[in-house]
Protein backbone atom coordinates (compact mmCIF):
# COMPACT_ATOMS: atom_id res chain seq x y z
CA GLY A 1 80.24 99.07 57.43
CA GLY A 2 82.52 102.03 57.86
CA GLY A 3 85.61 99.98 58.69
CA GLY A 4 88.15 101.54 60.99
CA ARG A 5 89.58 100.21 64.21
CA ALA A 6 88.87 100.44 67.91
CA ALA A 7 90.73 103.14 69.79
CA GLU A 8 92.01 100.58 72.28
CA HIS A 9 93.02 97.04 71.37
CA VAL A 10 91.51 95.56 74.51
CA GLY A 11 91.55 92.10 72.92
CA ARG A 12 95.32 92.21 73.14
CA ARG A 13 95.31 93.04 76.84
CA THR A 14 94.78 90.65 79.72
CA SER A 15 93.75 91.99 83.11
CA SER A 16 95.93 90.96 86.04
CA CYS A 17 93.01 90.43 88.43
CA VAL A 18 89.55 91.61 89.42
CA PHE A 19 91.03 94.30 91.67
CA ALA A 20 92.84 95.94 88.73
CA ASN A 21 89.56 96.10 86.82
CA ASN A 22 87.71 97.52 89.83
CA ILE A 23 90.31 100.28 90.16
CA ALA A 24 89.94 101.11 86.47
CA LYS A 25 86.13 101.10 86.62
CA ALA A 26 86.10 103.35 89.66
CA SER A 27 88.51 105.81 88.03
CA ILE A 28 86.61 105.94 84.75
CA ALA A 29 83.27 106.35 86.55
CA ALA A 30 84.70 109.26 88.52
CA TYR A 31 86.01 110.87 85.33
CA ASN A 32 82.61 110.51 83.66
CA ALA A 33 80.93 112.19 86.64
CA VAL A 34 83.43 115.04 86.76
CA LEU A 35 83.25 115.61 83.01
CA ALA A 36 79.46 115.76 83.27
CA SER A 37 79.88 118.54 85.83
CA VAL A 38 81.57 120.79 83.26
CA PRO A 39 78.77 122.84 81.68
CA GLU A 40 78.10 122.97 77.99
CA PRO A 41 79.22 124.28 75.58
CA ALA A 42 82.57 124.44 77.38
CA ARG A 43 82.60 120.67 77.88
CA SER A 44 82.38 119.91 74.17
CA ASP A 45 84.64 122.79 73.18
CA ALA A 46 87.38 121.78 75.61
CA PHE A 47 87.17 117.99 75.63
CA GLY A 48 85.16 116.88 72.61
CA GLY A 49 84.33 113.24 73.23
CA GLY A 50 86.41 113.38 76.39
CA ARG A 51 88.50 110.33 75.51
CA GLN A 52 91.46 111.47 73.41
CA THR A 53 93.49 112.21 76.50
CA VAL A 54 95.22 110.33 79.31
CA LEU A 55 93.40 109.71 82.59
CA ALA A 56 95.05 109.08 85.93
CA ALA A 57 93.37 108.67 89.32
CA VAL A 58 94.35 107.95 92.90
CA VAL A 59 92.02 105.42 94.50
CA ALA A 60 91.88 104.73 98.24
CA ARG A 61 91.21 101.26 99.59
CA ASP A 62 90.17 101.06 103.24
CA GLU A 63 90.15 97.56 104.74
CA ARG A 64 87.49 98.68 107.20
CA LEU A 65 85.11 99.08 104.26
CA ASP A 66 84.54 96.79 101.32
CA ALA A 67 84.74 99.62 98.87
CA LEU A 68 87.08 101.81 96.85
CA ARG A 69 87.09 105.59 96.95
CA VAL A 70 88.47 107.78 94.18
CA VAL A 71 90.12 110.72 95.95
CA SER A 72 91.68 112.58 93.01
CA LEU A 73 92.05 112.43 89.27
CA GLY A 74 93.62 114.27 86.37
CA ALA A 75 93.22 114.16 82.61
CA GLY A 76 95.72 115.97 80.41
CA THR A 77 98.78 115.72 78.18
CA LYS A 78 100.33 119.21 78.19
CA PHE A 79 102.87 121.19 80.24
CA MET A 80 104.43 124.65 80.25
CA SER A 81 107.44 125.77 78.22
CA THR A 82 110.77 126.49 79.90
CA VAL A 83 110.37 130.21 79.20
CA ASP A 84 106.99 130.33 80.92
CA ILE A 85 108.24 128.22 83.83
CA GLU A 86 111.13 130.61 84.40
CA ALA A 87 108.78 133.60 84.27
CA ASP A 88 106.61 132.04 86.98
CA ALA A 89 109.49 130.79 89.14
CA GLU A 90 109.03 133.43 91.84
CA ALA A 91 105.24 133.77 91.85
CA GLY A 92 104.40 130.05 91.64
CA ALA A 93 100.88 130.84 90.44
CA ARG A 94 100.89 128.39 87.52
CA VAL A 95 100.78 124.60 87.29
CA ARG A 96 103.92 123.64 85.39
CA ASP A 97 102.91 120.13 84.44
CA SER A 98 99.35 119.16 83.53
CA HIS A 99 100.01 115.55 82.62
CA ALA A 100 97.36 113.30 84.12
CA GLU A 101 99.56 111.60 86.74
CA VAL A 102 100.87 114.93 88.02
CA LEU A 103 97.40 116.45 88.36
CA ALA A 104 96.17 113.35 90.20
CA ARG A 105 99.07 113.61 92.63
CA ARG A 106 98.46 117.32 93.25
CA GLY A 107 94.80 116.54 93.83
CA LEU A 108 95.87 113.93 96.37
CA LYS A 109 97.75 116.66 98.24
CA ARG A 110 94.59 118.78 98.39
CA PHE A 111 92.66 115.76 99.63
CA LEU A 112 95.19 115.11 102.41
CA TYR A 113 95.06 118.77 103.47
CA ALA A 114 91.26 118.51 103.62
CA GLN A 115 91.62 115.42 105.79
CA LEU A 116 94.01 117.26 108.12
CA ALA A 117 91.57 120.17 108.34
CA ALA A 118 88.80 117.71 109.21
CA GLU A 119 90.99 116.35 112.02
CA ALA A 120 91.39 119.91 113.27
CA GLY A 121 87.62 120.36 113.12
CA ARG A 122 87.16 117.35 115.37
CA SER A 123 89.33 118.83 118.10
CA HIS A 124 88.67 122.56 117.72
CA ARG A 125 85.59 124.70 117.49
CA GLU A 126 84.41 125.11 113.93
CA PRO A 127 85.24 128.54 112.51
CA SER A 128 82.34 130.53 111.17
CA PRO A 129 81.81 130.98 107.42
CA VAL A 130 82.65 134.65 107.92
CA ALA A 131 86.01 133.73 109.44
CA THR A 132 86.90 131.66 106.37
CA GLY A 133 85.78 134.36 103.96
CA ARG A 134 83.15 132.08 102.45
CA LYS A 135 79.42 132.63 102.27
CA ARG A 136 77.21 130.01 103.88
CA THR A 137 75.92 127.48 101.37
CA ARG A 138 73.17 124.92 101.58
CA GLU A 139 73.79 122.02 103.89
CA ARG A 140 74.98 118.86 102.20
CA GLU A 141 76.82 115.65 102.86
CA GLU A 142 80.27 115.79 104.43
CA PRO A 143 83.14 115.14 101.98
CA GLY A 144 84.33 112.23 104.09
CA SER A 145 80.99 110.48 104.06
CA PHE A 146 81.04 107.14 102.35
CA THR A 147 78.67 105.98 99.63
CA ALA A 148 77.51 102.43 100.33
CA PRO A 149 78.37 100.27 97.31
CA ALA A 150 76.17 98.02 95.25
CA THR A 151 76.25 94.32 95.95
CA GLU A 152 77.10 91.62 93.43
CA PRO A 153 77.54 87.87 93.78
CA GLY A 154 80.89 87.04 95.30
CA SER A 155 81.36 90.38 97.02
CA ARG A 156 80.53 91.43 100.53
CA SER A 157 78.33 94.44 101.07
CA ALA A 158 79.84 97.36 102.95
CA ARG A 159 77.01 98.62 105.12
CA VAL A 160 78.24 102.05 106.08
CA ASP A 161 76.07 104.80 107.43
CA ALA A 162 76.06 107.58 104.82
CA SER A 163 76.48 110.12 107.58
CA GLN A 164 79.58 108.41 108.95
CA THR A 165 82.74 110.46 108.55
CA TRP A 166 85.44 108.70 106.59
CA SER A 167 88.98 109.60 107.58
CA VAL A 168 92.21 108.20 106.16
CA LEU A 169 94.38 109.85 108.85
CA GLU A 170 95.00 109.20 112.52
CA ARG A 171 96.98 110.97 115.22
CA ALA A 172 100.58 109.78 115.73
CA GLY A 173 102.28 111.73 118.50
CA GLU A 174 102.30 115.39 117.55
CA ARG A 175 101.70 114.67 113.89
CA TYR A 176 99.48 112.43 111.75
CA ARG A 177 99.80 109.38 109.57
CA VAL A 178 97.72 107.42 107.08
CA ARG A 179 95.75 104.74 108.88
CA PRO A 180 97.25 101.24 108.54
CA SER A 181 93.95 100.08 107.02
CA VAL A 182 94.22 102.58 104.12
CA THR A 183 96.25 102.11 100.96
CA PHE A 184 96.48 104.26 97.84
CA HIS A 185 96.40 102.92 94.29
CA LEU A 186 97.16 104.67 91.00
CA TYR A 187 95.27 104.09 87.78
CA THR A 188 96.54 105.44 84.50
CA SER A 189 94.87 104.78 81.17
CA SER A 190 98.23 104.56 79.41
CA ALA A 191 101.81 103.86 80.47
CA PRO A 192 103.46 107.00 81.93
CA CYS A 193 105.61 108.99 79.53
CA GLY A 194 109.37 108.45 79.59
CA ASN A 195 111.17 105.25 80.57
CA ALA A 196 107.94 103.26 80.87
CA THR A 197 107.47 103.63 77.10
CA VAL A 198 111.03 102.60 76.13
CA LYS A 199 110.56 99.09 74.76
CA ARG A 200 114.15 97.99 75.14
CA TRP A 201 116.12 95.83 77.53
CA ALA A 202 113.05 93.90 78.71
CA LYS A 203 111.08 90.89 77.51
CA GLY A 204 107.37 91.37 76.99
CA ALA A 205 105.68 88.36 78.56
CA LYS A 206 101.90 88.33 78.22
CA GLU A 207 100.06 89.13 81.43
CA ARG A 208 98.07 86.29 83.02
CA PHE A 209 94.78 86.73 84.85
CA VAL A 210 95.02 85.51 88.45
CA ASP A 211 91.72 83.94 89.36
CA GLY A 212 90.33 83.25 92.80
CA LEU A 213 91.20 86.63 94.30
CA SER A 214 88.80 88.95 96.08
CA ALA A 215 87.56 92.22 94.62
CA PHE A 216 90.28 94.09 96.53
CA GLU A 217 93.24 91.71 96.39
CA THR A 218 96.47 92.08 94.38
CA PRO A 219 98.12 88.97 92.92
CA PRO A 220 100.33 87.22 95.51
CA GLY A 221 103.96 88.33 95.32
CA SER A 222 103.20 91.10 92.84
CA ASP A 223 105.12 93.60 94.96
CA ASP A 224 108.23 91.38 94.92
CA HIS A 225 110.12 92.54 91.84
CA GLY A 226 113.25 90.49 92.45
CA ARG A 227 116.78 91.86 92.26
CA PRO A 228 117.23 93.84 89.03
CA SER A 229 120.43 93.95 87.00
CA TRP A 230 121.22 96.48 84.31
CA SER A 231 123.24 95.74 81.18
CA ALA A 232 122.92 99.02 79.30
CA VAL A 233 123.25 101.85 81.83
CA LYS A 234 125.43 103.94 79.50
CA GLU A 235 122.82 103.64 76.76
CA GLY A 236 120.10 105.01 79.03
CA GLN A 237 118.44 101.83 80.34
CA ILE A 238 117.58 103.49 83.67
CA ALA A 239 118.10 107.12 82.63
CA PHE A 240 115.89 110.00 83.70
CA LEU A 241 114.65 112.26 80.89
CA TYR A 242 112.81 115.54 80.51
CA LYS A 243 109.60 116.26 78.69
CA LYS A 244 110.49 117.89 75.41
CA ASP A 245 110.08 121.65 75.74
CA PRO A 246 107.02 122.70 73.70
CA GLY A 247 108.58 126.12 73.25
CA SER A 248 111.82 124.88 71.70
CA ALA A 249 112.65 123.32 68.36
CA ALA A 250 116.16 122.41 69.48
CA SER A 251 117.34 118.97 68.44
CA GLU A 252 118.77 116.37 70.78
CA PRO A 253 122.53 116.59 71.42
CA SER A 254 124.62 114.01 69.60
CA GLU A 255 126.62 113.17 72.71
CA PRO A 256 125.20 111.65 75.88
CA ARG A 257 125.16 113.68 79.06
CA GLY A 258 125.35 111.86 82.35
CA THR A 259 127.33 109.44 84.42
CA GLY A 260 127.54 106.19 82.59
CA PHE A 261 128.42 104.69 85.97
CA GLY A 262 127.42 101.07 86.40
CA ALA A 263 124.44 100.39 88.64
CA ASP A 264 126.67 98.30 90.89
CA LYS A 265 128.32 101.44 92.26
CA ALA A 266 125.87 102.18 95.02
CA ASP A 267 128.03 104.49 97.09
CA GLU A 268 128.57 107.31 94.59
CA THR A 269 127.90 110.75 96.05
CA GLU A 270 126.11 113.69 94.47
CA LYS A 271 129.55 115.18 93.69
CA ASP A 272 130.55 111.96 91.93
CA VAL A 273 127.40 112.11 89.84
CA ALA A 274 128.12 115.69 88.80
CA SER A 275 131.76 114.98 87.90
CA GLY A 276 130.66 111.98 85.90
CA ASN A 277 128.39 114.23 83.86
CA ARG A 278 131.24 116.58 83.02
CA ALA A 279 133.59 113.75 82.04
CA ILE A 280 131.11 112.06 79.71
CA ALA A 281 129.84 115.31 78.21
CA SER A 282 133.33 116.44 77.29
CA GLY A 283 134.56 113.16 75.89
CA GLY A 284 131.65 110.79 75.36
CA GLY A 285 130.09 109.68 72.14
CA GLY A 286 127.22 107.67 70.71
CA ASP A 287 123.77 108.24 69.37
CA VAL A 288 121.50 109.41 72.18
CA ALA A 289 118.31 109.78 70.16
CA ARG A 290 117.90 106.02 69.71
CA PHE A 291 117.10 105.67 73.40
CA VAL A 292 115.00 108.79 73.90
CA PRO A 293 111.30 108.08 73.32
CA PRO A 294 109.10 110.52 71.41
CA GLY A 295 108.15 113.56 73.46
CA ALA A 296 111.22 113.24 75.72
CA SER A 297 114.51 115.13 75.76
CA THR A 298 117.89 115.14 77.49
CA THR A 299 117.45 118.79 78.49
CA GLY A 300 114.55 120.69 79.99
CA ARG A 301 112.81 121.64 83.23
CA VAL A 302 110.04 119.05 83.60
CA LEU A 303 110.91 115.41 84.28
CA THR A 304 108.88 112.70 82.57
CA CYS A 305 106.07 111.06 84.52
CA SER A 306 108.03 107.79 84.71
CA ASP A 307 110.85 109.64 86.47
CA LYS A 308 108.51 111.46 88.83
CA LEU A 309 106.84 108.20 89.78
CA ALA A 310 110.24 106.58 90.39
CA THR A 311 111.16 109.49 92.67
CA TRP A 312 107.84 109.19 94.53
CA SER A 313 108.60 105.48 95.02
CA CYS A 314 111.52 106.69 97.14
CA VAL A 315 110.16 109.73 98.98
CA GLY A 316 106.37 109.41 98.75
CA LEU A 317 103.67 111.42 97.01
CA GLN A 318 103.04 113.91 99.82
CA GLY A 319 105.85 116.35 98.98
CA ALA A 320 107.99 118.44 101.31
CA LEU A 321 105.29 120.54 102.98
CA LEU A 322 103.00 117.66 103.93
CA ALA A 323 106.04 115.69 105.09
CA SER A 324 106.29 118.17 107.97
CA LEU A 325 102.76 117.23 109.09
CA LEU A 326 102.94 113.46 108.62
CA THR A 327 105.07 110.90 110.43
CA GLU A 328 105.36 108.64 107.38
CA PRO A 329 105.59 109.18 103.62
CA VAL A 330 102.54 108.32 101.50
CA TYR A 331 103.37 105.58 99.01
CA LEU A 332 101.44 103.81 96.27
CA ALA A 333 100.49 100.20 96.98
CA SER A 334 99.74 99.44 93.33
CA VAL A 335 99.79 100.92 89.83
CA THR A 336 97.20 99.78 87.29
CA VAL A 337 97.84 100.56 83.61
CA GLY A 338 95.66 100.23 80.53
CA ARG A 339 97.34 100.93 77.19
CA LYS A 340 101.02 100.10 76.53
CA PHE A 341 101.28 97.76 79.50
CA ASN A 342 104.46 95.74 79.90
CA GLN A 343 105.14 94.48 83.42
CA ALA A 344 108.93 94.22 83.14
CA ILE A 345 109.29 97.68 81.61
CA LEU A 346 106.91 99.28 84.11
CA ARG A 347 108.68 97.72 87.08
CA ARG A 348 111.99 99.04 85.77
CA ALA A 349 110.60 102.51 85.13
CA LEU A 350 108.51 103.05 88.27
CA CYS A 351 110.74 101.66 91.01
CA CYS A 352 113.39 99.04 90.27
CA ARG A 353 115.90 101.42 88.66
CA VAL A 354 116.08 103.30 91.98
CA HIS A 355 116.25 100.12 94.08
CA ARG A 356 119.57 101.12 95.72
CA PHE A 357 118.04 104.17 97.39
CA ARG A 358 118.52 104.31 101.15
CA ASP A 359 117.24 106.96 103.56
CA PRO A 360 120.18 109.38 104.02
CA ASN A 361 118.66 110.49 107.32
CA GLY A 362 119.11 107.07 108.93
CA GLU A 363 116.60 104.95 110.79
CA PRO A 364 113.84 106.85 112.67
CA GLU A 365 114.80 105.39 116.05
CA ARG A 366 118.43 106.41 115.74
CA ARG A 367 117.55 109.87 114.46
CA ALA A 368 115.09 110.40 117.29
CA LYS A 369 117.83 109.54 119.78
CA GLU A 370 120.41 111.76 118.10
CA THR A 371 118.09 114.76 117.99
CA LYS A 372 116.93 114.16 121.58
CA GLN A 373 113.29 114.49 120.68
CA ALA A 374 110.83 115.49 123.35
CA LYS A 375 108.98 112.68 125.05
CA GLY A 376 105.80 111.79 123.22
CA SER A 377 106.79 113.49 119.97
CA SER A 378 106.81 111.60 116.69
CA PRO A 379 110.03 110.24 115.18
CA PRO A 380 111.05 111.74 111.83
CA SER A 381 109.77 110.16 108.63
CA SER A 382 111.54 107.09 107.27
CA PHE A 383 112.07 106.91 103.52
CA GLY A 384 112.80 103.84 101.40
CA VAL A 385 112.00 102.33 98.02
CA ARG A 386 108.50 100.91 97.73
CA HIS A 387 107.78 98.47 94.91
CA PRO A 388 104.06 98.72 94.09
CA SER A 389 102.11 95.88 92.57
CA VAL A 390 102.10 96.60 88.83
CA MET A 391 98.87 95.43 87.21
CA CYS A 392 97.18 95.54 83.81
CA THR A 393 93.52 96.18 83.10
CA ALA A 394 91.61 95.36 79.94
CA VAL A 395 88.84 97.78 80.91
CA PRO A 396 88.85 100.33 78.07
CA PHE A 397 88.96 104.05 78.71
CA ASP A 398 88.44 105.14 75.10
CA LEU A 399 85.50 103.33 73.52
CA GLY A 400 85.77 105.24 70.26
CA ALA A 401 86.87 104.06 66.83
CA TYR A 402 89.15 105.61 64.24
CA ALA A 403 89.04 105.50 60.46
CA GLU A 404 91.73 103.49 58.71
CA GLY A 405 95.03 105.33 58.80
CA GLU A 406 93.96 107.60 61.64
CA GLY A 407 94.62 107.51 65.37
CA ALA A 408 94.20 109.47 68.56
CA VAL A 409 95.29 113.10 68.41
CA PHE A 410 96.37 114.47 71.78
CA ASP A 411 96.39 118.09 70.73
CA ARG A 412 94.01 119.67 73.24
CA ARG A 413 95.51 122.17 75.64
CA GLU A 414 92.76 121.72 78.19
CA ALA A 415 93.23 119.50 81.22
CA LEU A 416 90.76 118.40 83.88
CA ALA A 417 91.48 117.96 87.59
CA TRP A 418 89.28 116.84 90.47
CA TRP A 419 89.86 116.00 94.12
CA LEU A 420 87.73 115.00 97.06
CA GLU A 421 87.30 118.00 99.31
CA GLY A 422 84.23 119.15 101.19
CA SER A 423 82.22 122.27 101.65
CA SER A 424 81.70 122.42 105.41
CA THR A 425 83.70 125.07 107.21
CA ALA A 426 85.60 122.40 109.11
CA THR A 427 86.94 120.78 105.99
CA ARG A 428 86.72 123.35 103.22
CA LEU A 429 90.15 124.83 102.67
CA THR A 430 89.76 128.43 101.58
CA SER A 431 91.39 131.74 102.20
CA SER A 432 90.54 135.15 100.77
CA ARG A 433 92.78 134.29 97.81
CA ASP A 434 91.92 130.63 97.43
CA ASP A 435 88.17 130.91 97.84
CA GLU A 436 87.64 131.86 94.22
CA LEU A 437 89.96 129.30 92.70
CA SER A 438 87.78 126.27 92.09
CA GLY A 439 84.28 124.94 91.60
CA ASP A 440 82.68 122.30 93.74
CA GLU A 441 80.10 119.76 92.73
CA ASP A 442 77.70 117.53 94.59
CA ASP A 443 77.84 114.67 92.11
CA GLY A 444 77.90 111.50 94.19
CA VAL A 445 78.42 108.54 91.89
CA GLY A 446 77.95 104.93 92.88
CA GLY A 447 77.00 103.84 89.45
CA GLY A 448 76.64 100.08 89.59
CA ILE A 449 80.32 99.35 90.16
CA VAL A 450 80.75 96.86 92.96
CA GLY A 451 82.32 98.30 96.06
CA VAL A 452 82.89 101.76 94.62
CA GLY A 453 82.03 105.14 96.08
CA VAL A 454 83.23 107.85 93.73
CA GLY A 455 82.43 110.59 96.16
CA VAL A 456 80.51 113.62 97.21
CA GLY A 457 81.88 117.11 97.75
CA GLY A 458 84.56 117.02 95.08
CA ARG A 459 86.07 120.10 93.46
CA TRP A 460 86.96 120.30 89.80
CA GLU A 461 88.95 122.60 87.57
CA VAL A 462 89.56 122.93 83.85
CA LEU A 463 93.10 124.10 83.20
CA ASP A 464 95.05 125.37 80.23
CA GLY A 465 97.88 122.85 80.21
CA ARG A 466 100.22 125.05 78.21
CA ALA A 467 99.66 128.21 80.29
CA GLY A 468 99.24 126.44 83.64
CA VAL A 469 96.19 128.47 84.67
CA ARG A 470 92.60 127.69 85.56
CA LEU A 471 90.03 128.25 82.83
CA MET A 472 86.93 127.13 84.70
CA PRO A 473 84.99 127.69 86.83
CA ASP A 474 84.89 131.47 87.36
CA GLY A 475 87.08 132.36 84.43
CA ARG A 476 90.81 132.47 83.91
CA GLY A 477 92.93 132.63 87.06
CA PRO A 478 95.38 130.80 89.36
CA SER A 479 94.67 127.13 89.95
CA SER A 480 94.03 125.60 93.36
CA LEU A 481 96.76 123.12 92.39
CA SER A 482 99.38 125.83 91.89
CA ARG A 483 102.30 126.14 94.28
CA VAL A 484 101.10 129.43 95.75
CA SER A 485 97.67 127.97 96.49
CA LEU A 486 99.12 124.81 98.04
CA LEU A 487 101.34 126.96 100.26
CA ALA A 488 98.36 129.04 101.39
CA THR A 489 96.46 125.83 102.11
CA HIS A 490 99.40 124.42 104.07
CA ARG A 491 99.61 127.49 106.30
CA LEU A 492 95.85 127.52 106.80
CA VAL A 493 95.87 123.89 107.91
CA VAL A 494 98.80 124.44 110.28
CA GLU A 495 96.91 127.39 111.79
CA ARG A 496 93.75 125.31 112.20
CA LEU A 497 95.60 122.45 113.84
CA GLY A 498 96.46 124.90 116.59
CA PRO A 499 99.42 126.01 118.69
CA GLY A 500 99.31 122.81 120.70
CA ASP A 501 100.84 120.98 117.77
CA GLY A 502 104.29 122.45 118.27
CA GLU A 503 106.04 120.14 115.83
CA LEU A 504 103.60 120.66 112.99
CA GLY A 505 104.76 122.72 110.05
CA ARG A 506 108.10 123.42 111.63
CA GLY A 507 110.60 125.14 109.37
CA ASP A 508 108.02 127.16 107.43
CA ALA A 509 108.37 130.89 107.85
CA ALA A 510 105.11 132.69 107.15
CA GLY A 511 105.52 135.29 104.46
CA GLY A 512 108.23 133.42 102.53
CA THR A 513 107.87 132.01 99.03
CA TYR A 514 106.81 128.47 98.19
CA ALA A 515 110.44 127.59 97.42
CA ASP A 516 111.53 128.93 100.82
CA ALA A 517 108.81 127.01 102.66
CA LYS A 518 109.47 123.83 100.70
CA ARG A 519 113.19 124.03 101.37
CA SER A 520 112.89 124.68 105.10
CA ALA A 521 110.11 122.13 105.65
CA GLY A 522 111.96 119.58 103.54
CA GLU A 523 115.15 119.98 105.51
CA ALA A 524 113.33 119.80 108.85
CA SER A 525 111.51 116.57 107.92
CA GLY A 526 114.41 114.97 106.06
CA TYR A 527 112.44 115.02 102.79
CA GLY A 528 114.91 117.34 101.05
CA ALA A 529 117.96 115.15 101.74
CA ALA A 530 116.00 112.02 100.79
CA LYS A 531 114.93 113.49 97.45
CA ARG A 532 118.47 114.59 96.60
CA ARG A 533 119.73 111.10 97.41
CA ALA A 534 116.98 109.52 95.31
CA LEU A 535 117.94 111.66 92.31
CA SER A 536 121.67 111.03 92.81
CA GLN A 537 121.71 107.31 92.19
CA PRO A 538 124.28 106.14 89.63
CA GLY A 539 123.09 105.82 86.05
CA LEU A 540 120.04 108.07 86.29
CA TRP A 541 121.73 110.92 84.42
CA ALA A 542 123.52 108.81 81.80
CA LEU A 543 121.83 110.82 79.04
CA SER A 544 120.45 114.02 80.52
CA GLU A 545 121.77 117.14 82.20
CA LEU A 546 121.52 117.29 85.98
CA PRO A 547 118.33 118.81 87.40
CA LYS A 548 118.45 122.08 89.26
CA ILE A 549 118.14 120.39 92.67
CA LEU A 550 121.53 118.66 92.12
CA ARG A 551 123.31 121.62 90.56
CA GLY A 552 123.11 123.86 93.64
């Protein structure tokens, strides 16, 4: 016997329910299929055993179908240095953050754009391959087609025609929205970096398995997180942090930066937050480092994944550009976590610390009246805090074992991204620049997991997480998940949707930069004001310097 220990202590974890395990199984199956698509020897050189990383995936659940569908995933633990981020600020050709959750969210954006393009294809004549700048390829299954799942005792079989087009969007006035039957669920193999890993100010009760639920059902009341109260705001209990700059050896400051305001002060403005930072920074004291987890910092350019997820709980995952095409934000219905699960800590980190957020734009009905919207047009988006069901899974991602005294080493620069996007001219999103950015695979995976269709027509990329560029396929170059590529995709989709959609994409001036388009689209949809309000809540900057969005 060689001794050693298992990479994951699954015996210490208790799954919340069958649904949490199904989400994990679907995500891991999709990752296995995508990893198998990366050719050798690059696969072994870049990923080794493929498990010493963090995996995150966005899984769609459609009530019309007894099945889950993985729509995007990311695997990675690296991000760019501040120096490199500044150098790319204008061009936007690099992916700043290649942590798994961020890549999965960017892949979700690409998936939603593909869905919008498919909607355009249903109402407009399909452009020719020549018009899209892409050579005709062999015919194959549409990206939206659904793989009928396997059947097991206790589960219903979803009998769906493989040729049926699966769409998560529907028309809503002059824009679109996610169908009421569709929900999105996040899986991450380990607790997100940042506040979700700070094991303070919360009791760690052992998770209990809830029996008697269906394969697609969350535990009753799991999205009711109660009314939180904070006792250590000044010490950083709800503080936002940055990922520690890989290009800097600077130590943490000995004095806290931030407000120190109590969480009961809900009406503080952005100006109040800024003045609070100056007052504390000039006269505060205390040891900050005790409350900053490894890998985090009070200064930087890239927020931790916990903080990004908390922000998305307020404004949605779709971002500013897609907000101009959708009537409603896209929120997560649940978050399933493997390693380092603690329900109380995760609830605090992912949503409850921003529970006082209110839409600064007002209610949609009132705003529609004030802006005198045209008859039949869609009301502006409504933002508000969403508390996802937070669930644990005992399904292991890393089945490996380590010798005594050794552990996982997350030192690989490479990251892997995949999203569901098809190859037909109606749904493939390419331009003369974007056409060469990513590979596409035809690896449909059903794989014996009940109710799971991993998907056909996905596109994958291997990225250099430190440089923020694509490594494969087709050699080193800009990623399809970069800001410049997402902007090109946005404009292409708006063009395909046609001039009849007068409200779509409003605020975006063709020819401007990504920052210009994001700013104008965000202001037009209310996303920009909502994000600033979300980031301005008291206590969030008790330790760290204000982000750029609040300094302007």
